[in-house]
Amino acid sequence: QESRWPFLFGVIIVPSLIQVMILPFLPESPRYLLLEKHNRSKAEKAFQRFLGKDDVSQEIEEVLAESRAQRNAKLVSVVQLLRTRAARWQILTVVVTMGCYQLCGLNA
């Protein structure tokens, strides 16, 4: 039975090779093309391909508006978050629950 371990570890090569071969044919994300690459024309073509419609200006504007909103969002430190009474109890509940999961051996 121990002679099967190398085979079992080697089987994972098949799906990874399939993924590497298929990856160049997959389209890039419209959000990535628009926000990271700053290529609006390729982003429009990607949206048109995904959505199957010609006019994707509304989707482009939604992505840009969401990006602006994320840039303008104020970051909160952990200390500030714990000082907020409503968030403190939620965080405490999650931390205690996760601690209990670790102590009882449940790591799902």
PDB file of N, CA and C in Angstrom:
ATOM      1  N   GLN A   1       0.819  -1.208   0.000  1.00  0.00           N
ATOM      2  CA  GLN A   1       0.000   0.000   0.000  1.00  0.00           C
ATOM      3  C   GLN A   1       0.854   1.260   0.000  1.00  0.00           C
ATOM      4  N   GLU A   2       2.040   1.194   0.608  1.00  0.00           N
ATOM      5  CA  GLU A   2       2.885   2.388   0.612  1.00  0.00           C
ATOM      6  C   GLU A   2       3.428   2.697  -0.774  1.00  0.00           C
ATOM      7  N   SER A   3       3.439   1.744  -1.661  1.00  0.00           N
ATOM      8  CA  SER A   3       3.952   1.986  -3.008  1.00  0.00           C
ATOM      9  C   SER A   3       3.005   2.852  -3.833  1.00  0.00           C
ATOM     10  N   ARG A   4       1.789   3.071  -3.356  1.00  0.00           N
ATOM     11  CA  ARG A   4       0.822   3.893  -4.088  1.00  0.00           C
ATOM     12  C   ARG A   4       0.967   5.382  -3.786  1.00  0.00           C
ATOM     13  N   TRP A   5       1.695   5.758  -2.737  1.00  0.00           N
ATOM     14  CA  TRP A   5       1.814   7.171  -2.372  1.00  0.00           C
ATOM     15  C   TRP A   5       2.425   8.020  -3.473  1.00  0.00           C
ATOM     16  N   PRO A   6       3.496   7.612  -4.116  1.00  0.00           N
ATOM     17  CA  PRO A   6       4.031   8.458  -5.207  1.00  0.00           C
ATOM     18  C   PRO A   6       3.020   8.648  -6.338  1.00  0.00           C
ATOM     19  N   PHE A   7       2.247   7.614  -6.632  1.00  0.00           N
ATOM     20  CA  PHE A   7       1.224   7.743  -7.666  1.00  0.00           C
ATOM     21  C   PHE A   7       0.153   8.741  -7.253  1.00  0.00           C
ATOM     22  N   LEU A   8      -0.285   8.675  -6.006  1.00  0.00           N
ATOM     23  CA  LEU A   8      -1.320   9.592  -5.523  1.00  0.00           C
ATOM     24  C   LEU A   8      -0.827  11.040  -5.553  1.00  0.00           C
ATOM     25  N   PHE A   9       0.432  11.252  -5.187  1.00  0.00           N
ATOM     26  CA  PHE A   9       0.969  12.612  -5.255  1.00  0.00           C
ATOM     27  C   PHE A   9       1.161  13.062  -6.697  1.00  0.00           C
ATOM     28  N   GLY A  10       1.439  12.132  -7.594  1.00  0.00           N
ATOM     29  CA  GLY A  10       1.653  12.471  -8.992  1.00  0.00           C
ATOM     30  C   GLY A  10       0.380  12.761  -9.754  1.00  0.00           C
ATOM     31  N   VAL A  11      -0.751  12.256  -9.276  1.00  0.00           N
ATOM     32  CA  VAL A  11      -2.030  12.455  -9.968  1.00  0.00           C
ATOM     33  C   VAL A  11      -2.394  13.936 -10.037  1.00  0.00           C
ATOM     34  N   ILE A  12      -1.976  14.710  -9.080  1.00  0.00           N
ATOM     35  CA  ILE A  12      -2.321  16.138  -9.057  1.00  0.00           C
ATOM     36  C   ILE A  12      -1.680  16.898 -10.219  1.00  0.00           C
ATOM     37  N   ILE A  13      -0.697  16.314 -10.847  1.00  0.00           N
ATOM     38  CA  ILE A  13      -0.044  16.960 -11.991  1.00  0.00           C
ATOM     39  C   ILE A  13      -1.013  17.092 -13.169  1.00  0.00           C
ATOM     40  N   VAL A  14      -1.897  16.124 -13.351  1.00  0.00           N
ATOM     41  CA  VAL A  14      -2.806  16.130 -14.504  1.00  0.00           C
ATOM     42  C   VAL A  14      -3.716  17.359 -14.492  1.00  0.00           C
ATOM     43  N   PRO A  15      -4.480  17.650 -13.420  1.00  0.00           N
ATOM     44  CA  PRO A  15      -5.326  18.852 -13.460  1.00  0.00           C
ATOM     45  C   PRO A  15      -4.518  20.143 -13.564  1.00  0.00           C
ATOM     46  N   SER A  16      -3.326  20.165 -12.953  1.00  0.00           N
ATOM     47  CA  SER A  16      -2.533  21.395 -13.036  1.00  0.00           C
ATOM     48  C   SER A  16      -2.028  21.620 -14.452  1.00  0.00           C
ATOM     49  N   LEU A  17      -1.656  20.580 -15.168  1.00  0.00           N
ATOM     50  CA  LEU A  17      -1.237  20.737 -16.557  1.00  0.00           C
ATOM     51  C   LEU A  17      -2.396  21.171 -17.451  1.00  0.00           C
ATOM     52  N   ILE A  18      -3.577  20.619 -17.194  1.00  0.00           N
ATOM     53  CA  ILE A  18      -4.763  21.034 -17.955  1.00  0.00           C
ATOM     54  C   ILE A  18      -5.038  22.519 -17.722  1.00  0.00           C
ATOM     55  N   GLN A  19      -4.926  22.960 -16.485  1.00  0.00           N
ATOM     56  CA  GLN A  19      -5.161  24.369 -16.177  1.00  0.00           C
ATOM     57  C   GLN A  19      -4.134  25.262 -16.861  1.00  0.00           C
ATOM     58  N   VAL A  20      -2.875  24.866 -16.847  1.00  0.00           N
ATOM     59  CA  VAL A  20      -1.831  25.670 -17.490  1.00  0.00           C
ATOM     60  C   VAL A  20      -2.063  25.753 -18.987  1.00  0.00           C
ATOM     61  N   MET A  21      -2.559  24.684 -19.597  1.00  0.00           N
ATOM     62  CA  MET A  21      -2.800  24.703 -21.037  1.00  0.00           C
ATOM     63  C   MET A  21      -4.021  25.549 -21.401  1.00  0.00           C
ATOM     64  N   ILE A  22      -5.034  25.586 -20.550  1.00  0.00           N
ATOM     65  CA  ILE A  22      -6.261  26.329 -20.836  1.00  0.00           C
ATOM     66  C   ILE A  22      -6.131  27.810 -20.484  1.00  0.00           C
ATOM     67  N   LEU A  23      -5.296  28.148 -19.520  1.00  0.00           N
ATOM     68  CA  LEU A  23      -5.206  29.509 -18.997  1.00  0.00           C
ATOM     69  C   LEU A  23      -4.993  30.587 -20.058  1.00  0.00           C
ATOM     70  N   PRO A  24      -4.131  30.406 -21.068  1.00  0.00           N
ATOM     71  CA  PRO A  24      -3.964  31.474 -22.062  1.00  0.00           C
ATOM     72  C   PRO A  24      -5.216  31.788 -22.873  1.00  0.00           C
ATOM     73  N   PHE A  25      -6.163  30.867 -22.925  1.00  0.00           N
ATOM     74  CA  PHE A  25      -7.372  31.082 -23.719  1.00  0.00           C
ATOM     75  C   PHE A  25      -8.504  31.727 -22.930  1.00  0.00           C
ATOM     76  N   LEU A  26      -8.335  31.896 -21.625  1.00  0.00           N
ATOM     77  CA  LEU A  26      -9.369  32.501 -20.800  1.00  0.00           C
ATOM     78  C   LEU A  26      -9.278  34.030 -20.879  1.00  0.00           C
ATOM     79  N   PRO A  27     -10.415  34.708 -20.925  1.00  0.00           N
ATOM     80  CA  PRO A  27     -10.377  36.175 -20.998  1.00  0.00           C
ATOM     81  C   PRO A  27      -9.991  36.791 -19.655  1.00  0.00           C
ATOM     82  N   GLU A  28      -9.417  37.989 -19.738  1.00  0.00           N
ATOM     83  CA  GLU A  28      -9.061  38.696 -18.510  1.00  0.00           C
ATOM     84  C   GLU A  28     -10.305  39.386 -17.949  1.00  0.00           C
ATOM     85  N   SER A  29     -10.270  39.656 -16.676  1.00  0.00           N
ATOM     86  CA  SER A  29     -11.388  40.296 -16.002  1.00  0.00           C
ATOM     87  C   SER A  29     -11.539  41.738 -16.477  1.00  0.00           C
ATOM     88  N   PRO A  30     -12.768  42.171 -16.753  1.00  0.00           N
ATOM     89  CA  PRO A  30     -12.971  43.568 -17.148  1.00  0.00           C
ATOM     90  C   PRO A  30     -12.538  44.549 -16.065  1.00  0.00           C
ATOM     91  N   ARG A  31     -12.783  44.206 -14.814  1.00  0.00           N
ATOM     92  CA  ARG A  31     -12.368  45.083 -13.706  1.00  0.00           C
ATOM     93  C   ARG A  31     -10.852  45.222 -13.672  1.00  0.00           C
ATOM     94  N   TYR A  32     -10.158  44.109 -13.859  1.00  0.00           N
ATOM     95  CA  TYR A  32      -8.694  44.145 -13.873  1.00  0.00           C
ATOM     96  C   TYR A  32      -8.193  45.002 -15.027  1.00  0.00           C
ATOM     97  N   LEU A  33      -8.768  44.807 -16.191  1.00  0.00           N
ATOM     98  CA  LEU A  33      -8.336  45.585 -17.354  1.00  0.00           C
ATOM     99  C   LEU A  33      -8.598  47.076 -17.153  1.00  0.00           C
ATOM    100  N   LEU A  34      -9.718  47.407 -16.538  1.00  0.00           N
ATOM    101  CA  LEU A  34     -10.084  48.811 -16.365  1.00  0.00           C
ATOM    102  C   LEU A  34      -9.317  49.480 -15.232  1.00  0.00           C
ATOM    103  N   LEU A  35      -9.251  48.817 -14.079  1.00  0.00           N
ATOM    104  CA  LEU A  35      -8.682  49.470 -12.900  1.00  0.00           C
ATOM    105  C   LEU A  35      -7.171  49.289 -12.772  1.00  0.00           C
ATOM    106  N   GLU A  36      -6.655  48.138 -13.141  1.00  0.00           N
ATOM    107  CA  GLU A  36      -5.221  47.884 -12.979  1.00  0.00           C
ATOM    108  C   GLU A  36      -4.423  48.238 -14.232  1.00  0.00           C
ATOM    109  N   LYS A  37      -4.931  47.814 -15.390  1.00  0.00           N
ATOM    110  CA  LYS A  37      -4.220  48.059 -16.643  1.00  0.00           C
ATOM    111  C   LYS A  37      -4.589  49.400 -17.274  1.00  0.00           C
ATOM    112  N   HIS A  38      -5.671  50.014 -16.797  1.00  0.00           N
ATOM    113  CA  HIS A  38      -6.168  51.303 -17.332  1.00  0.00           C
ATOM    114  C   HIS A  38      -6.406  51.227 -18.841  1.00  0.00           C
ATOM    115  N   ASN A  39      -6.971  50.109 -19.276  1.00  0.00           N
ATOM    116  CA  ASN A  39      -7.249  49.896 -20.695  1.00  0.00           C
ATOM    117  C   ASN A  39      -8.763  49.793 -20.872  1.00  0.00           C
ATOM    118  N   ARG A  40      -9.368  50.944 -21.151  1.00  0.00           N
ATOM    119  CA  ARG A  40     -10.831  51.020 -21.226  1.00  0.00           C
ATOM    120  C   ARG A  40     -11.384  50.244 -22.415  1.00  0.00           C
ATOM    121  N   SER A  41     -10.699  50.275 -23.550  1.00  0.00           N
ATOM    122  CA  SER A  41     -11.227  49.597 -24.742  1.00  0.00           C
ATOM    123  C   SER A  41     -11.245  48.079 -24.553  1.00  0.00           C
ATOM    124  N   LYS A  42     -10.193  47.516 -23.982  1.00  0.00           N
ATOM    125  CA  LYS A  42     -10.182  46.070 -23.739  1.00  0.00           C
ATOM    126  C   LYS A  42     -11.207  45.694 -22.664  1.00  0.00           C
ATOM    127  N   ALA A  43     -11.389  46.571 -21.678  1.00  0.00           N
ATOM    128  CA  ALA A  43     -12.393  46.317 -20.648  1.00  0.00           C
ATOM    129  C   ALA A  43     -13.790  46.314 -21.257  1.00  0.00           C
ATOM    130  N   GLU A  44     -14.058  47.242 -22.161  1.00  0.00           N
ATOM    131  CA  GLU A  44     -15.359  47.272 -22.831  1.00  0.00           C
ATOM    132  C   GLU A  44     -15.581  46.005 -23.641  1.00  0.00           C
ATOM    133  N   LYS A  45     -14.551  45.553 -24.357  1.00  0.00           N
ATOM    134  CA  LYS A  45     -14.678  44.324 -25.139  1.00  0.00           C
ATOM    135  C   LYS A  45     -14.919  43.121 -24.229  1.00  0.00           C
ATOM    136  N   ALA A  46     -14.249  43.093 -23.089  1.00  0.00           N
ATOM    137  CA  ALA A  46     -14.444  41.980 -22.153  1.00  0.00           C
ATOM    138  C   ALA A  46     -15.854  42.003 -21.576  1.00  0.00           C
ATOM    139  N   PHE A  47     -16.356  43.202 -21.209  1.00  0.00           N
ATOM    140  CA  PHE A  47     -17.729  43.314 -20.714  1.00  0.00           C
ATOM    141  C   PHE A  47     -18.718  42.875 -21.795  1.00  0.00           C
ATOM    142  N   GLN A  48     -18.494  43.301 -23.037  1.00  0.00           N
ATOM    143  CA  GLN A  48     -19.383  42.920 -24.131  1.00  0.00           C
ATOM    144  C   GLN A  48     -19.394  41.407 -24.318  1.00  0.00           C
ATOM    145  N   ARG A  49     -18.237  40.791 -24.182  1.00  0.00           N
ATOM    146  CA  ARG A  49     -18.148  39.336 -24.325  1.00  0.00           C
ATOM    147  C   ARG A  49     -18.876  38.627 -23.182  1.00  0.00           C
ATOM    148  N   PHE A  50     -18.694  39.117 -21.949  1.00  0.00           N
ATOM    149  CA  PHE A  50     -19.320  38.479 -20.800  1.00  0.00           C
ATOM    150  C   PHE A  50     -20.827  38.695 -20.770  1.00  0.00           C
ATOM    151  N   LEU A  51     -21.256  39.917 -21.071  1.00  0.00           N
ATOM    152  CA  LEU A  51     -22.670  40.259 -20.938  1.00  0.00           C
ATOM    153  C   LEU A  51     -23.472  40.031 -22.207  1.00  0.00           C
ATOM    154  N   GLY A  52     -22.805  39.955 -23.350  1.00  0.00           N
ATOM    155  CA  GLY A  52     -23.504  39.714 -24.607  1.00  0.00           C
ATOM    156  C   GLY A  52     -24.309  40.890 -25.099  1.00  0.00           C
ATOM    157  N   LYS A  53     -23.889  42.101 -24.779  1.00  0.00           N
ATOM    158  CA  LYS A  53     -24.586  43.282 -25.290  1.00  0.00           C
ATOM    159  C   LYS A  53     -23.549  44.322 -25.720  1.00  0.00           C
ATOM    160  N   ASP A  54     -23.976  45.231 -26.588  1.00  0.00           N
ATOM    161  CA  ASP A  54     -23.041  46.197 -27.157  1.00  0.00           C
ATOM    162  C   ASP A  54     -22.772  47.388 -26.256  1.00  0.00           C
ATOM    163  N   ASP A  55     -23.820  47.888 -25.601  1.00  0.00           N
ATOM    164  CA  ASP A  55     -23.659  49.082 -24.768  1.00  0.00           C
ATOM    165  C   ASP A  55     -23.339  48.671 -23.329  1.00  0.00           C
ATOM    166  N   VAL A  56     -22.080  48.835 -22.953  1.00  0.00           N
ATOM    167  CA  VAL A  56     -21.645  48.470 -21.601  1.00  0.00           C
ATOM    168  C   VAL A  56     -21.148  49.688 -20.833  1.00  0.00           C
ATOM    169  N   SER A  57     -21.540  50.866 -21.284  1.00  0.00           N
ATOM    170  CA  SER A  57     -21.067  52.093 -20.639  1.00  0.00           C
ATOM    171  C   SER A  57     -21.542  52.190 -19.192  1.00  0.00           C
ATOM    172  N   GLN A  58     -22.750  51.701 -18.912  1.00  0.00           N
ATOM    173  CA  GLN A  58     -23.256  51.744 -17.541  1.00  0.00           C
ATOM    174  C   GLN A  58     -22.409  50.865 -16.630  1.00  0.00           C
ATOM    175  N   GLU A  59     -22.022  49.691 -17.084  1.00  0.00           N
ATOM    176  CA  GLU A  59     -21.191  48.790 -16.285  1.00  0.00           C
ATOM    177  C   GLU A  59     -19.816  49.397 -16.041  1.00  0.00           C
ATOM    178  N   ILE A  60     -19.257  50.040 -17.062  1.00  0.00           N
ATOM    179  CA  ILE A  60     -17.956  50.700 -16.921  1.00  0.00           C
ATOM    180  C   ILE A  60     -18.038  51.793 -15.862  1.00  0.00           C
ATOM    181  N   GLU A  61     -19.098  52.591 -15.920  1.00  0.00           N
ATOM    182  CA  GLU A  61     -19.260  53.680 -14.950  1.00  0.00           C
ATOM    183  C   GLU A  61     -19.479  53.130 -13.533  1.00  0.00           C
ATOM    184  N   GLU A  62     -20.195  52.022 -13.403  1.00  0.00           N
ATOM    185  CA  GLU A  62     -20.401  51.418 -12.084  1.00  0.00           C
ATOM    186  C   GLU A  62     -19.075  50.962 -11.475  1.00  0.00           C
ATOM    187  N   VAL A  63     -18.230  50.354 -12.301  1.00  0.00           N
ATOM    188  CA  VAL A  63     -16.928  49.896 -11.811  1.00  0.00           C
ATOM    189  C   VAL A  63     -16.070  51.088 -11.399  1.00  0.00           C
ATOM    190  N   LEU A  64     -16.078  52.136 -12.202  1.00  0.00           N
ATOM    191  CA  LEU A  64     -15.298  53.327 -11.870  1.00  0.00           C
ATOM    192  C   LEU A  64     -15.826  54.009 -10.607  1.00  0.00           C
ATOM    193  N   ALA A  65     -17.155  54.066 -10.461  1.00  0.00           N
ATOM    194  CA  ALA A  65     -17.743  54.676  -9.262  1.00  0.00           C
ATOM    195  C   ALA A  65     -17.399  53.863  -8.017  1.00  0.00           C
ATOM    196  N   GLU A  66     -17.435  52.556  -8.140  1.00  0.00           N
ATOM    197  CA  GLU A  66     -17.076  51.703  -7.004  1.00  0.00           C
ATOM    198  C   GLU A  66     -15.610  51.881  -6.632  1.00  0.00           C
ATOM    199  N   SER A  67     -14.765  52.028  -7.633  1.00  0.00           N
ATOM    200  CA  SER A  67     -13.341  52.246  -7.380  1.00  0.00           C
ATOM    201  C   SER A  67     -13.113  53.576  -6.661  1.00  0.00           C
ATOM    202  N   ARG A  68     -13.828  54.620  -7.096  1.00  0.00           N
ATOM    203  CA  ARG A  68     -13.708  55.921  -6.430  1.00  0.00           C
ATOM    204  C   ARG A  68     -14.187  55.834  -4.987  1.00  0.00           C
ATOM    205  N   ALA A  69     -15.281  55.120  -4.761  1.00  0.00           N
ATOM    206  CA  ALA A  69     -15.818  54.983  -3.403  1.00  0.00           C
ATOM    207  C   ALA A  69     -14.835  54.229  -2.507  1.00  0.00           C
ATOM    208  N   GLN A  70     -14.175  53.221  -3.028  1.00  0.00           N
ATOM    209  CA  GLN A  70     -13.201  52.489  -2.226  1.00  0.00           C
ATOM    210  C   GLN A  70     -11.989  53.343  -1.892  1.00  0.00           C
ATOM    211  N   ARG A  71     -11.569  54.175  -2.837  1.00  0.00           N
ATOM    212  CA  ARG A  71     -10.428  55.056  -2.571  1.00  0.00           C
ATOM    213  C   ARG A  71     -10.769  56.108  -1.528  1.00  0.00           C
ATOM    214  N   ASN A  72     -12.018  56.550  -1.493  1.00  0.00           N
ATOM    215  CA  ASN A  72     -12.429  57.591  -0.553  1.00  0.00           C
ATOM    216  C   ASN A  72     -12.832  57.035   0.808  1.00  0.00           C
ATOM    217  N   ALA A  73     -12.932  55.728   0.926  1.00  0.00           N
ATOM    218  CA  ALA A  73     -13.334  55.125   2.202  1.00  0.00           C
ATOM    219  C   ALA A  73     -12.223  55.317   3.229  1.00  0.00           C
ATOM    220  N   LYS A  74     -12.639  55.648   4.437  1.00  0.00           N
ATOM    221  CA  LYS A  74     -11.694  55.877   5.520  1.00  0.00           C
ATOM    222  C   LYS A  74     -11.333  54.546   6.168  1.00  0.00           C
ATOM    223  N   LEU A  75     -10.042  54.295   6.300  1.00  0.00           N
ATOM    224  CA  LEU A  75      -9.596  53.073   6.956  1.00  0.00           C
ATOM    225  C   LEU A  75      -9.649  53.259   8.472  1.00  0.00           C
ATOM    226  N   VAL A  76     -10.023  52.207   9.160  1.00  0.00           N
ATOM    227  CA  VAL A  76     -10.160  52.251  10.605  1.00  0.00           C
ATOM    228  C   VAL A  76      -9.140  51.293  11.202  1.00  0.00           C
ATOM    229  N   SER A  77      -8.443  51.749  12.230  1.00  0.00           N
ATOM    230  CA  SER A  77      -7.470  50.876  12.883  1.00  0.00           C
ATOM    231  C   SER A  77      -8.185  49.877  13.791  1.00  0.00           C
ATOM    232  N   VAL A  78      -7.461  48.870  14.219  1.00  0.00           N
ATOM    233  CA  VAL A  78      -8.039  47.854  15.097  1.00  0.00           C
ATOM    234  C   VAL A  78      -8.481  48.485  16.418  1.00  0.00           C
ATOM    235  N   VAL A  79      -7.676  49.404  16.932  1.00  0.00           N
ATOM    236  CA  VAL A  79      -8.021  50.059  18.197  1.00  0.00           C
ATOM    237  C   VAL A  79      -9.316  50.860  18.041  1.00  0.00           C
ATOM    238  N   GLN A  80      -9.438  51.616  16.957  1.00  0.00           N
ATOM    239  CA  GLN A  80     -10.665  52.384  16.715  1.00  0.00           C
ATOM    240  C   GLN A  80     -11.862  51.459  16.545  1.00  0.00           C
ATOM    241  N   LEU A  81     -11.644  50.320  15.898  1.00  0.00           N
ATOM    242  CA  LEU A  81     -12.720  49.367  15.703  1.00  0.00           C
ATOM    243  C   LEU A  81     -13.190  48.786  17.033  1.00  0.00           C
ATOM    244  N   LEU A  82     -12.250  48.484  17.922  1.00  0.00           N
ATOM    245  CA  LEU A  82     -12.615  47.938  19.224  1.00  0.00           C
ATOM    246  C   LEU A  82     -13.255  48.986  20.136  1.00  0.00           C
ATOM    247  N   ARG A  83     -13.005  50.257  19.882  1.00  0.00           N
ATOM    248  CA  ARG A  83     -13.626  51.322  20.683  1.00  0.00           C
ATOM    249  C   ARG A  83     -15.089  51.531  20.315  1.00  0.00           C
ATOM    250  N   THR A  84     -15.476  51.074  19.134  1.00  0.00           N
ATOM    251  CA  THR A  84     -16.870  51.185  18.706  1.00  0.00           C
ATOM    252  C   THR A  84     -17.690  50.119  19.418  1.00  0.00           C
ATOM    253  N   ARG A  85     -18.677  50.555  20.169  1.00  0.00           N
ATOM    254  CA  ARG A  85     -19.430  49.636  21.028  1.00  0.00           C
ATOM    255  C   ARG A  85     -20.143  48.542  20.225  1.00  0.00           C
ATOM    256  N   ALA A  86     -20.788  48.886  19.131  1.00  0.00           N
ATOM    257  CA  ALA A  86     -21.531  47.896  18.345  1.00  0.00           C
ATOM    258  C   ALA A  86     -20.587  46.877  17.721  1.00  0.00           C
ATOM    259  N   ALA A  87     -19.461  47.329  17.208  1.00  0.00           N
ATOM    260  CA  ALA A  87     -18.513  46.413  16.563  1.00  0.00           C
ATOM    261  C   ALA A  87     -17.761  45.573  17.586  1.00  0.00           C
ATOM    262  N   ARG A  88     -17.540  46.105  18.779  1.00  0.00           N
ATOM    263  CA  ARG A  88     -16.771  45.401  19.805  1.00  0.00           C
ATOM    264  C   ARG A  88     -17.411  44.058  20.140  1.00  0.00           C
ATOM    265  N   TRP A  89     -18.729  44.043  20.334  1.00  0.00           N
ATOM    266  CA  TRP A  89     -19.393  42.800  20.703  1.00  0.00           C
ATOM    267  C   TRP A  89     -19.384  41.792  19.560  1.00  0.00           C
ATOM    268  N   GLN A  90     -19.490  42.258  18.352  1.00  0.00           N
ATOM    269  CA  GLN A  90     -19.429  41.357  17.200  1.00  0.00           C
ATOM    270  C   GLN A  90     -18.042  40.736  17.076  1.00  0.00           C
ATOM    271  N   ILE A  91     -17.021  41.565  17.241  1.00  0.00           N
ATOM    272  CA  ILE A  91     -15.651  41.065  17.152  1.00  0.00           C
ATOM    273  C   ILE A  91     -15.366  40.090  18.290  1.00  0.00           C
ATOM    274  N   LEU A  92     -15.782  40.439  19.483  1.00  0.00           N
ATOM    275  CA  LEU A  92     -15.575  39.564  20.637  1.00  0.00           C
ATOM    276  C   LEU A  92     -16.272  38.220  20.430  1.00  0.00           C
ATOM    277  N   THR A  93     -17.477  38.242  19.904  1.00  0.00           N
ATOM    278  CA  THR A  93     -18.201  37.003  19.641  1.00  0.00           C
ATOM    279  C   THR A  93     -17.465  36.127  18.638  1.00  0.00           C
ATOM    280  N   VAL A  94     -16.987  36.720  17.574  1.00  0.00           N
ATOM    281  CA  VAL A  94     -16.270  35.959  16.553  1.00  0.00           C
ATOM    282  C   VAL A  94     -14.962  35.401  17.107  1.00  0.00           C
ATOM    283  N   VAL A  95     -14.212  36.209  17.857  1.00  0.00           N
ATOM    284  CA  VAL A  95     -12.934  35.755  18.416  1.00  0.00           C
ATOM    285  C   VAL A  95     -13.156  34.606  19.398  1.00  0.00           C
ATOM    286  N   VAL A  96     -14.137  34.724  20.277  1.00  0.00           N
ATOM    287  CA  VAL A  96     -14.413  33.656  21.241  1.00  0.00           C
ATOM    288  C   VAL A  96     -14.870  32.393  20.512  1.00  0.00           C
ATOM    289  N   THR A  97     -15.725  32.542  19.519  1.00  0.00           N
ATOM    290  CA  THR A  97     -16.196  31.379  18.761  1.00  0.00           C
ATOM    291  C   THR A  97     -15.038  30.679  18.060  1.00  0.00           C
ATOM    292  N   MET A  98     -14.182  31.430  17.400  1.00  0.00           N
ATOM    293  CA  MET A  98     -13.035  30.835  16.708  1.00  0.00           C
ATOM    294  C   MET A  98     -12.065  30.196  17.702  1.00  0.00           C
ATOM    295  N   GLY A  99     -11.889  30.817  18.854  1.00  0.00           N
ATOM    296  CA  GLY A  99     -11.040  30.218  19.877  1.00  0.00           C
ATOM    297  C   GLY A  99     -11.589  28.895  20.359  1.00  0.00           C
ATOM    298  N   CYS A 100     -12.903  28.835  20.557  1.00  0.00           N
ATOM    299  CA  CYS A 100     -13.528  27.577  20.973  1.00  0.00           C
ATOM    300  C   CYS A 100     -13.381  26.512  19.891  1.00  0.00           C
ATOM    301  N   TYR A 101     -13.523  26.909  18.628  1.00  0.00           N
ATOM    302  CA  TYR A 101     -13.321  25.951  17.530  1.00  0.00           C
ATOM    303  C   TYR A 101     -11.911  25.367  17.586  1.00  0.00           C
ATOM    304  N   GLN A 102     -10.927  26.214  17.828  1.00  0.00           N
ATOM    305  CA  GLN A 102      -9.544  25.728  17.868  1.00  0.00           C
ATOM    306  C   GLN A 102      -9.312  24.823  19.074  1.00  0.00           C
ATOM    307  N   LEU A 103      -9.890  25.175  20.205  1.00  0.00           N
ATOM    308  CA  LEU A 103      -9.672  24.375  21.403  1.00  0.00           C
ATOM    309  C   LEU A 103     -10.377  23.019  21.352  1.00  0.00           C
ATOM    310  N   CYS A 104     -11.488  22.953  20.636  1.00  0.00           N
ATOM    311  CA  CYS A 104     -12.192  21.671  20.567  1.00  0.00           C
ATOM    312  C   CYS A 104     -11.760  20.853  19.354  1.00  0.00           C
ATOM    313  N   GLY A 105     -10.892  21.383  18.521  1.00  0.00           N
ATOM    314  CA  GLY A 105     -10.378  20.641  17.378  1.00  0.00           C
ATOM    315  C   GLY A 105     -11.203  20.760  16.123  1.00  0.00           C
ATOM    316  N   LEU A 106     -12.208  21.597  16.116  1.00  0.00           N
ATOM    317  CA  LEU A 106     -13.025  21.784  14.933  1.00  0.00           C
ATOM    318  C   LEU A 106     -12.413  22.898  14.108  1.00  0.00           C
ATOM    319  N   ASN A 107     -11.897  22.577  12.946  1.00  0.00           N
ATOM    320  CA  ASN A 107     -11.273  23.612  12.114  1.00  0.00           C
ATOM    321  C   ASN A 107     -11.876  23.594  10.718  1.00  0.00           C
ATOM    322  N   ALA A 108     -13.188  23.600  10.668  1.00  0.00           N
ATOM    323  CA  ALA A 108     -13.884  23.584   9.381  1.00  0.00           C
ATOM    324  C   ALA A 108     -14.072  24.988   8.884  1.00  0.00           C
TER     325      ALA A 108
END
